[in-house]
Amino acid sequence: MMLRVMTDTPAPSTAGDIEQAQRREIDTPSSHVARFGADDALALDAGSTLGPWQIAYETYGTLNAERTNAVLVCHALTGDQYVASTHPVTGKPGWWTMMVGPGKPVDTDRYFVICANVLGGCMGTTGPASLNPATGRPYALDMPVVTIRDMVRAQTRLVEHLGIETLFCVIGGSMGGMQVLQWAANFPHKVFSAIPIAAGARHSSQNIAFHEVGRQAIMADPDWRGGSYLSDGVRPSKGLAVARMAAHITYMSDESLHRKFGRNLQDREALTFGFDADFQIESYLRHQGMTFVDRFDANSYLYVTRAMDYFDLAAEYGGSLPQAFLHTDTRFCVMSFTSDWLFPTAESKAVVRALNAAAANVSFVEVASDRGHDAFLLDEPELFRTVRGFLTGAAHARGIPAPGGAA
């Protein structure tokens, strides 16, 4: 399996073109797609099954003859499969191009990288915007609620579809880190190494609260229409934009907001004494909200945030987190950031303590950064050095040669 090369197709430019591109990517994405029939349905934690269903994914690099060098990258809440290739709706570069690529820490000259859109997403994997074959209309709220474990179940089916028995590494940040922990706990025999970044073993009540604010903003939009907006030809853009604005604040730190914006005014010399965007931070958040609706589905936002809220790994193992990792042979590198208040270092340390209690092979790095939770997506040299070093050591242990044939 070889590197997928994205063509330089011009990005949609008008609002109509963007909406049409977004709609196309829901069921017929520009990426690879693995499709499973009704006779190959996916069992879900909600007690129902989903079938037929599909999972959209991108691959980078070459799978070696032994099939031992596959790295699964798990994306965060608003991410997708385009980790290192151009996004077909926005035309922007992949969301982790600093981490994944030739010569990068996740080196596609050495590893075969897979990244899939999560179950419940809106970029080609079955989600609430996908067409329900039973009705010919979008699922909307008729789709069963999904969990992080359901997302991982779907990914295991993809990995098996690709003929890969064991993943060399599973890596991801935030919700991606949750998936990493779920993989390591439920399928330890399939995971040689794991790198959960800026994540925790369960969603905190504070994080659930922030998600509920976002969901209520979407559902309060008159164009949400009980979730059936796509069938009615409208979108709850204002509600989704507000949800994105509220969430985006949690991804940053007070220090980074102050350094970037302070109390600077936006394109004016004095206060207007009105409710326009007087401050740069207001204008920035409004921009984040408006651009987000171009690439994401409102119902998917409800479903994926709910999956994060339901995540509680210890609860699957009688309330004991060490039990989740008992007898594991997976090598772990757990990472956090000093200014991350969404998933603070204490949550990563709780995972490390559980791994130590299970006698697992684990290392831990807290990266000093004032950029908040989103630091895992930004230019953080210590993050890159740690990932590169850990993978290099794990690759040596597994006998995966470096580019050029050196061990």
Protein backbone atom coordinates (compact mmCIF):
# COMPACT_ATOMS: atom_id res chain seq x y z
CA MET A 1 0.00 0.00 0.00
CA MET A 2 1.45 3.30 -1.11
CA LEU A 3 1.20 6.96 -0.22
CA ARG A 4 -2.04 8.58 -1.32
CA VAL A 5 -1.31 11.76 -3.26
CA MET A 6 -4.03 14.38 -3.20
CA THR A 7 -4.51 16.30 -6.43
CA ASP A 8 -4.40 20.09 -6.40
CA THR A 9 -8.11 20.51 -6.96
CA PRO A 10 -9.11 24.13 -6.36
CA ALA A 11 -10.92 24.60 -3.06
CA PRO A 12 -14.60 25.58 -3.24
CA SER A 13 -14.84 29.37 -3.26
CA THR A 14 -18.50 30.39 -2.96
CA ALA A 15 -20.86 29.57 -0.10
CA GLY A 16 -22.90 27.37 -2.45
CA ASP A 17 -19.82 25.51 -3.65
CA ILE A 18 -18.65 24.96 -0.07
CA GLU A 19 -22.02 23.61 1.02
CA GLN A 20 -22.15 21.32 -2.02
CA ALA A 21 -18.62 20.04 -1.29
CA GLN A 22 -19.49 19.45 2.36
CA ARG A 23 -22.59 17.49 1.37
CA ARG A 24 -20.59 15.40 -1.14
CA GLU A 25 -17.94 14.46 1.43
CA ILE A 26 -20.54 13.05 3.83
CA ASP A 27 -21.32 9.97 1.73
CA THR A 28 -18.81 10.02 -1.16
CA PRO A 29 -15.60 11.44 0.29
CA SER A 30 -12.44 12.27 -1.64
CA SER A 31 -10.51 9.81 0.52
CA HIS A 32 -10.49 6.02 0.59
CA VAL A 33 -13.66 4.34 1.89
CA ALA A 34 -14.17 0.87 3.35
CA ARG A 35 -17.81 -0.20 3.05
CA PHE A 36 -19.50 -2.92 5.08
CA GLY A 37 -22.89 -4.42 4.18
CA ALA A 38 -25.96 -5.07 6.27
CA ASP A 39 -24.66 -8.60 6.83
CA ASP A 40 -21.50 -7.12 8.37
CA ALA A 41 -23.19 -4.73 10.79
CA LEU A 42 -21.36 -2.96 13.61
CA ALA A 43 -22.55 -3.70 17.15
CA LEU A 44 -22.84 -0.52 19.25
CA ASP A 45 -22.75 0.16 22.98
CA ALA A 46 -26.26 1.64 22.75
CA GLY A 47 -27.52 -1.92 22.20
CA SER A 48 -28.27 -1.61 18.51
CA THR A 49 -26.39 -2.40 15.33
CA LEU A 50 -25.43 -0.22 12.39
CA GLY A 51 -25.42 -1.62 8.89
CA PRO A 52 -24.68 -1.07 6.15
CA TRP A 53 -21.99 1.37 7.24
CA GLN A 54 -18.72 2.81 5.96
CA ILE A 55 -15.50 4.31 7.25
CA ALA A 56 -13.46 6.92 5.34
CA TYR A 57 -9.69 7.02 5.71
CA GLU A 58 -6.42 8.29 4.32
CA THR A 59 -3.07 6.47 4.20
CA TYR A 60 0.48 7.78 3.88
CA GLY A 61 3.73 5.90 3.32
CA THR A 62 4.24 2.23 2.51
CA LEU A 63 3.16 -0.85 4.42
CA ASN A 64 6.19 -3.10 4.75
CA ALA A 65 6.21 -6.74 3.67
CA GLU A 66 5.92 -7.92 7.29
CA ARG A 67 2.98 -5.53 7.89
CA THR A 68 4.58 -4.36 11.13
CA ASN A 69 5.00 -0.62 10.56
CA ALA A 70 1.39 0.64 10.59
CA VAL A 71 0.64 3.72 12.71
CA LEU A 72 -2.98 4.67 13.39
CA VAL A 73 -3.50 8.40 13.98
CA CYS A 74 -6.72 9.13 15.88
CA HIS A 75 -8.18 12.59 15.38
CA ALA A 76 -9.72 14.97 17.91
CA LEU A 77 -13.30 16.24 18.12
CA THR A 78 -13.34 18.45 15.03
CA GLY A 79 -10.63 16.65 13.07
CA ASP A 80 -10.92 14.20 10.20
CA GLN A 81 -8.92 11.75 8.10
CA TYR A 82 -6.97 14.49 6.30
CA VAL A 83 -4.15 14.50 8.83
CA ALA A 84 -1.41 15.33 6.30
CA SER A 85 -3.22 16.10 3.06
CA THR A 86 -5.29 18.95 1.71
CA HIS A 87 -8.81 19.23 3.07
CA PRO A 88 -11.23 18.86 0.13
CA VAL A 89 -13.75 21.38 1.51
CA THR A 90 -11.55 24.13 2.96
CA GLY A 91 -8.48 23.66 0.76
CA LYS A 92 -6.30 23.98 3.88
CA PRO A 93 -3.35 21.72 4.73
CA GLY A 94 -3.86 18.68 6.95
CA TRP A 95 -4.36 19.29 10.65
CA TRP A 96 -1.11 17.58 11.80
CA THR A 97 1.34 18.23 8.98
CA MET A 98 4.03 19.22 11.50
CA MET A 99 3.83 15.74 13.05
CA VAL A 100 3.09 13.42 10.10
CA GLY A 101 5.06 13.28 6.85
CA PRO A 102 8.44 12.43 5.31
CA GLY A 103 11.15 13.06 7.87
CA LYS A 104 8.60 14.21 10.48
CA PRO A 105 8.29 12.60 13.94
CA VAL A 106 5.70 10.19 12.53
CA ASP A 107 7.91 9.55 9.53
CA THR A 108 6.02 8.35 6.44
CA ASP A 109 9.36 7.26 4.97
CA ARG A 110 9.45 4.65 7.74
CA TYR A 111 5.86 4.07 8.81
CA PHE A 112 2.56 3.36 7.07
CA VAL A 113 0.15 5.91 8.54
CA ILE A 114 -3.62 5.44 8.66
CA CYS A 115 -6.10 8.09 9.75
CA ALA A 116 -9.85 7.46 9.69
CA ASN A 117 -12.82 9.75 10.17
CA VAL A 118 -14.57 8.66 13.38
CA LEU A 119 -17.92 6.94 13.53
CA GLY A 120 -20.52 9.69 13.89
CA GLY A 121 -18.37 12.10 11.88
CA CYS A 122 -19.25 13.97 8.73
CA MET A 123 -16.35 13.42 6.34
CA GLY A 124 -17.27 10.06 4.86
CA THR A 125 -17.68 7.75 7.85
CA THR A 126 -21.27 6.89 8.71
CA GLY A 127 -22.78 9.62 10.87
CA PRO A 128 -26.06 11.43 11.43
CA ALA A 129 -25.70 13.31 8.12
CA SER A 130 -25.27 10.06 6.15
CA LEU A 131 -28.15 8.72 4.13
CA ASN A 132 -30.20 6.14 5.99
CA PRO A 133 -30.71 3.30 3.45
CA ALA A 134 -34.04 2.47 5.08
CA THR A 135 -35.52 5.92 4.35
CA GLY A 136 -33.32 7.51 1.68
CA ARG A 137 -32.98 10.55 3.95
CA PRO A 138 -30.20 11.59 6.34
CA TYR A 139 -30.20 9.63 9.58
CA ALA A 140 -30.36 12.79 11.71
CA LEU A 141 -31.29 11.73 15.26
CA ASP A 142 -32.42 8.29 14.07
CA MET A 143 -28.78 7.21 14.14
CA PRO A 144 -27.91 5.46 17.42
CA VAL A 145 -25.69 7.39 19.80
CA VAL A 146 -22.08 6.23 19.53
CA THR A 147 -19.24 5.96 22.04
CA ILE A 148 -15.46 6.13 21.92
CA ARG A 149 -15.46 2.32 22.13
CA ASP A 150 -17.76 2.21 19.08
CA MET A 151 -15.33 4.44 17.20
CA VAL A 152 -12.50 2.09 18.04
CA ARG A 153 -14.57 -0.96 17.04
CA ALA A 154 -15.05 0.65 13.63
CA GLN A 155 -11.32 1.32 13.37
CA THR A 156 -10.49 -2.29 14.21
CA ARG A 157 -12.69 -3.40 11.33
CA LEU A 158 -10.80 -1.03 9.03
CA VAL A 159 -7.42 -2.31 10.22
CA GLU A 160 -8.56 -5.88 9.60
CA HIS A 161 -9.88 -4.81 6.18
CA LEU A 162 -6.38 -3.55 5.38
CA GLY A 163 -4.90 -6.93 6.33
CA ILE A 164 -3.02 -5.62 9.36
CA GLU A 165 -2.93 -7.83 12.47
CA THR A 166 -0.97 -5.56 14.80
CA LEU A 167 -0.52 -1.81 14.81
CA PHE A 168 2.99 -0.58 15.49
CA CYS A 169 1.56 2.50 17.20
CA VAL A 170 -1.71 4.27 17.95
CA ILE A 171 -1.32 8.01 18.54
CA GLY A 172 -3.69 10.91 19.07
CA GLY A 173 -4.50 13.99 21.14
CA SER A 174 -7.60 15.01 23.08
CA MET A 175 -10.48 12.81 21.85
CA GLY A 176 -7.81 11.06 19.79
CA GLY A 177 -6.00 10.29 23.04
CA MET A 178 -9.19 8.76 24.41
CA GLN A 179 -9.28 6.46 21.39
CA VAL A 180 -5.64 5.53 22.00
CA LEU A 181 -6.42 4.49 25.57
CA GLN A 182 -9.50 2.56 24.41
CA TRP A 183 -7.43 0.72 21.81
CA ALA A 184 -4.74 -0.18 24.35
CA ALA A 185 -7.26 -1.39 26.93
CA ASN A 186 -9.58 -3.38 24.66
CA PHE A 187 -7.12 -4.65 22.05
CA PRO A 188 -3.69 -4.83 23.72
CA HIS A 189 -2.63 -7.70 21.44
CA LYS A 190 -3.15 -5.40 18.45
CA VAL A 191 -1.15 -2.40 19.79
CA PHE A 192 2.64 -2.53 20.07
CA SER A 193 2.94 1.07 21.32
CA ALA A 194 0.59 3.89 22.29
CA ILE A 195 0.94 7.66 22.60
CA PRO A 196 -2.06 9.36 24.26
CA ILE A 197 -1.55 13.14 24.26
CA ALA A 198 -3.49 15.77 26.25
CA ALA A 199 -6.19 13.29 27.23
CA GLY A 200 -7.68 11.52 30.21
CA ALA A 201 -9.29 8.20 31.10
CA ARG A 202 -12.70 9.86 31.46
CA HIS A 203 -14.42 13.13 30.66
CA SER A 204 -14.66 15.50 33.61
CA SER A 205 -17.92 17.14 34.74
CA GLN A 206 -16.49 20.51 33.68
CA ASN A 207 -15.85 19.25 30.15
CA ILE A 208 -19.32 17.69 29.97
CA ALA A 209 -20.72 21.08 31.02
CA PHE A 210 -18.89 22.90 28.22
CA HIS A 211 -20.17 20.36 25.70
CA GLU A 212 -23.73 20.76 26.94
CA VAL A 213 -23.53 24.53 26.37
CA GLY A 214 -22.51 23.85 22.77
CA ARG A 215 -25.22 21.28 22.19
CA GLN A 216 -27.89 23.58 23.61
CA ALA A 217 -26.70 26.40 21.34
CA ILE A 218 -27.19 24.13 18.32
CA MET A 219 -30.57 22.82 19.41
CA ALA A 220 -31.79 26.35 20.22
CA ASP A 221 -31.17 27.46 16.63
CA PRO A 222 -34.58 27.57 14.87
CA ASP A 223 -32.96 25.96 11.81
CA TRP A 224 -31.99 22.84 13.77
CA ARG A 225 -35.59 21.64 13.37
CA GLY A 226 -35.32 18.71 15.73
CA GLY A 227 -32.24 17.49 13.88
CA SER A 228 -33.94 17.20 10.46
CA TYR A 229 -32.43 20.37 8.96
CA LEU A 230 -30.71 18.61 6.05
CA SER A 231 -33.99 17.11 4.85
CA ASP A 232 -35.52 20.58 5.12
CA GLY A 233 -32.70 22.21 3.15
CA VAL A 234 -31.41 24.43 5.97
CA ARG A 235 -28.56 24.36 8.49
CA PRO A 236 -28.32 25.62 12.10
CA SER A 237 -25.22 27.61 11.26
CA LYS A 238 -25.60 30.22 13.99
CA GLY A 239 -26.01 27.65 16.74
CA LEU A 240 -23.06 25.58 15.50
CA ALA A 241 -20.90 28.71 15.26
CA VAL A 242 -21.68 29.63 18.88
CA ALA A 243 -20.89 26.05 19.97
CA ARG A 244 -17.52 26.30 18.23
CA MET A 245 -16.80 29.69 19.81
CA ALA A 246 -17.48 28.39 23.32
CA ALA A 247 -15.39 25.27 22.77
CA HIS A 248 -12.49 27.14 21.19
CA ILE A 249 -12.00 29.18 24.35
CA THR A 250 -11.32 25.95 26.24
CA TYR A 251 -8.60 24.96 23.79
CA MET A 252 -6.47 28.00 24.63
CA SER A 253 -4.92 29.32 27.83
CA ASP A 254 -5.28 32.70 29.50
CA GLU A 255 -1.61 33.37 28.74
CA SER A 256 -1.96 32.62 25.03
CA LEU A 257 -5.14 34.68 24.72
CA HIS A 258 -3.50 37.63 26.47
CA ARG A 259 -0.34 37.39 24.37
CA LYS A 260 -2.25 37.12 21.10
CA PHE A 261 -5.09 39.57 21.73
CA GLY A 262 -4.91 41.31 25.09
CA ARG A 263 -7.60 44.00 25.09
CA ASN A 264 -6.68 45.22 21.62
CA LEU A 265 -9.43 46.76 19.56
CA GLN A 266 -10.44 45.38 16.17
CA ASP A 267 -9.97 47.83 13.28
CA ARG A 268 -10.92 50.87 15.34
CA GLU A 269 -9.35 53.43 17.66
CA ALA A 270 -12.13 53.75 20.23
CA LEU A 271 -14.99 51.77 21.73
CA THR A 272 -18.24 51.92 19.77
CA PHE A 273 -20.49 51.53 22.83
CA GLY A 274 -22.44 48.89 20.93
CA PHE A 275 -22.44 45.15 20.38
CA ASP A 276 -20.26 44.87 17.30
CA ALA A 277 -16.87 43.15 17.67
CA ASP A 278 -14.97 45.93 19.44
CA PHE A 279 -12.16 43.62 20.60
CA GLN A 280 -9.85 41.46 18.52
CA ILE A 281 -10.72 38.39 20.58
CA GLU A 282 -14.41 38.85 19.69
CA SER A 283 -13.61 39.09 16.00
CA TYR A 284 -11.34 36.04 16.24
CA LEU A 285 -14.01 33.90 17.90
CA ARG A 286 -16.65 34.97 15.39
CA HIS A 287 -14.28 34.01 12.57
CA GLN A 288 -13.63 30.62 14.18
CA GLY A 289 -17.36 30.01 14.42
CA MET A 290 -18.14 31.07 10.85
CA THR A 291 -15.38 29.02 9.24
CA PHE A 292 -16.23 25.93 11.31
CA VAL A 293 -19.73 25.62 9.87
CA ASP A 294 -18.19 25.29 6.40
CA ARG A 295 -16.65 21.93 7.24
CA PHE A 296 -18.68 20.35 10.04
CA ASP A 297 -22.19 19.02 10.53
CA ALA A 298 -24.22 20.21 13.52
CA ASN A 299 -25.67 16.79 14.38
CA SER A 300 -22.20 15.26 14.16
CA TYR A 301 -21.13 17.81 16.76
CA LEU A 302 -23.90 16.55 19.05
CA TYR A 303 -22.93 12.91 18.52
CA VAL A 304 -19.18 13.23 18.85
CA THR A 305 -19.31 15.46 21.95
CA ARG A 306 -21.69 12.94 23.50
CA ALA A 307 -19.22 10.14 22.78
CA MET A 308 -16.55 12.07 24.68
CA ASP A 309 -18.92 12.71 27.58
CA TYR A 310 -19.71 9.01 27.93
CA PHE A 311 -16.04 8.02 27.98
CA ASP A 312 -15.04 6.46 31.32
CA LEU A 313 -12.48 3.72 30.80
CA ALA A 314 -12.34 2.55 34.42
CA ALA A 315 -16.11 2.01 34.45
CA GLU A 316 -15.63 -0.74 31.86
CA TYR A 317 -13.37 -2.57 34.32
CA GLY A 318 -15.31 -2.46 37.58
CA GLY A 319 -14.19 1.08 38.38
CA SER A 320 -10.50 0.11 38.45
CA LEU A 321 -8.33 1.86 35.86
CA PRO A 322 -5.31 -0.43 36.47
CA GLN A 323 -7.53 -3.39 35.55
CA ALA A 324 -7.95 -1.86 32.08
CA PHE A 325 -4.24 -2.38 31.41
CA LEU A 326 -3.56 -5.56 33.35
CA HIS A 327 -1.03 -7.87 31.64
CA THR A 328 -0.58 -5.47 28.73
CA ASP A 329 2.59 -5.67 26.63
CA THR A 330 1.95 -2.32 24.96
CA ARG A 331 4.63 0.36 25.37
CA PHE A 332 3.16 3.71 26.44
CA CYS A 333 4.31 7.30 26.17
CA VAL A 334 1.81 9.59 27.96
CA MET A 335 2.08 13.33 27.30
CA SER A 336 0.46 16.47 28.72
CA PHE A 337 0.96 20.26 28.65
CA THR A 338 1.49 22.54 31.62
CA SER A 339 -1.17 25.11 30.60
CA ASP A 340 -3.85 22.65 29.48
CA TRP A 341 -6.86 23.23 31.73
CA LEU A 342 -9.24 21.18 29.59
CA PHE A 343 -7.23 17.97 30.15
CA PRO A 344 -4.80 19.00 32.91
CA THR A 345 -1.63 17.09 33.67
CA ALA A 346 -3.28 15.50 36.72
CA GLU A 347 -5.47 13.45 34.39
CA SER A 348 -2.47 12.15 32.45
CA LYS A 349 -0.72 11.33 35.72
CA ALA A 350 -3.75 9.30 36.80
CA VAL A 351 -3.33 7.23 33.64
CA VAL A 352 0.39 6.83 34.34
CA ARG A 353 -0.29 5.69 37.92
CA ALA A 354 -2.76 3.12 36.64
CA LEU A 355 -0.23 1.87 34.08
CA ASN A 356 2.45 1.63 36.77
CA ALA A 357 0.03 -0.29 39.01
CA ALA A 358 -0.52 -2.69 36.11
CA ALA A 359 3.27 -3.06 35.70
CA ALA A 360 3.07 -1.62 32.17
CA ASN A 361 5.98 -0.18 30.22
CA VAL A 362 5.26 3.55 30.45
CA SER A 363 7.07 6.87 30.14
CA PHE A 364 5.57 10.28 30.88
CA VAL A 365 6.43 13.76 29.60
CA GLU A 366 4.81 17.03 30.64
CA VAL A 367 5.63 19.63 28.00
CA ALA A 368 6.11 23.18 29.26
CA SER A 369 3.88 25.33 27.08
CA ASP A 370 1.63 28.35 27.61
CA ARG A 371 -0.56 27.52 24.60
CA GLY A 372 -3.19 25.47 26.38
CA HIS A 373 -4.88 22.31 25.17
CA ASP A 374 -4.32 23.02 21.48
CA ALA A 375 -0.55 22.86 22.00
CA PHE A 376 -0.56 19.31 20.63
CA LEU A 377 -1.52 20.75 17.22
CA LEU A 378 1.06 23.53 17.26
CA ASP A 379 4.81 23.92 16.82
CA GLU A 380 6.07 22.46 20.10
CA PRO A 381 9.66 21.17 19.68
CA GLU A 382 9.62 19.10 22.88
CA LEU A 383 6.46 17.33 21.71
CA PHE A 384 8.10 16.50 18.38
CA ARG A 385 11.37 15.34 19.99
CA THR A 386 9.52 13.09 22.42
CA VAL A 387 7.33 11.46 19.79
CA ARG A 388 10.26 10.97 17.42
CA GLY A 389 12.46 9.49 20.15
CA PHE A 390 9.79 7.17 21.49
CA LEU A 391 8.85 5.87 18.05
CA THR A 392 12.49 5.41 17.07
CA GLY A 393 13.13 3.30 20.17
CA ALA A 394 9.96 1.28 19.65
CA ALA A 395 10.80 0.76 15.98
CA HIS A 396 14.24 -0.55 16.92
CA ALA A 397 12.63 -2.95 19.40
CA ARG A 398 10.24 -4.20 16.72
CA GLY A 399 12.90 -4.45 14.03
CA ILE A 400 11.51 -1.77 11.74
CA PRO A 401 14.47 -0.36 9.79
CA ALA A 402 15.06 3.34 9.43
CA PRO A 403 14.81 4.93 5.97
CA GLY A 404 17.79 3.75 3.95
CA GLY A 405 17.78 0.33 5.57
CA ALA A 406 19.64 1.07 8.81
CA ALA A 407 18.27 -0.64 11.90
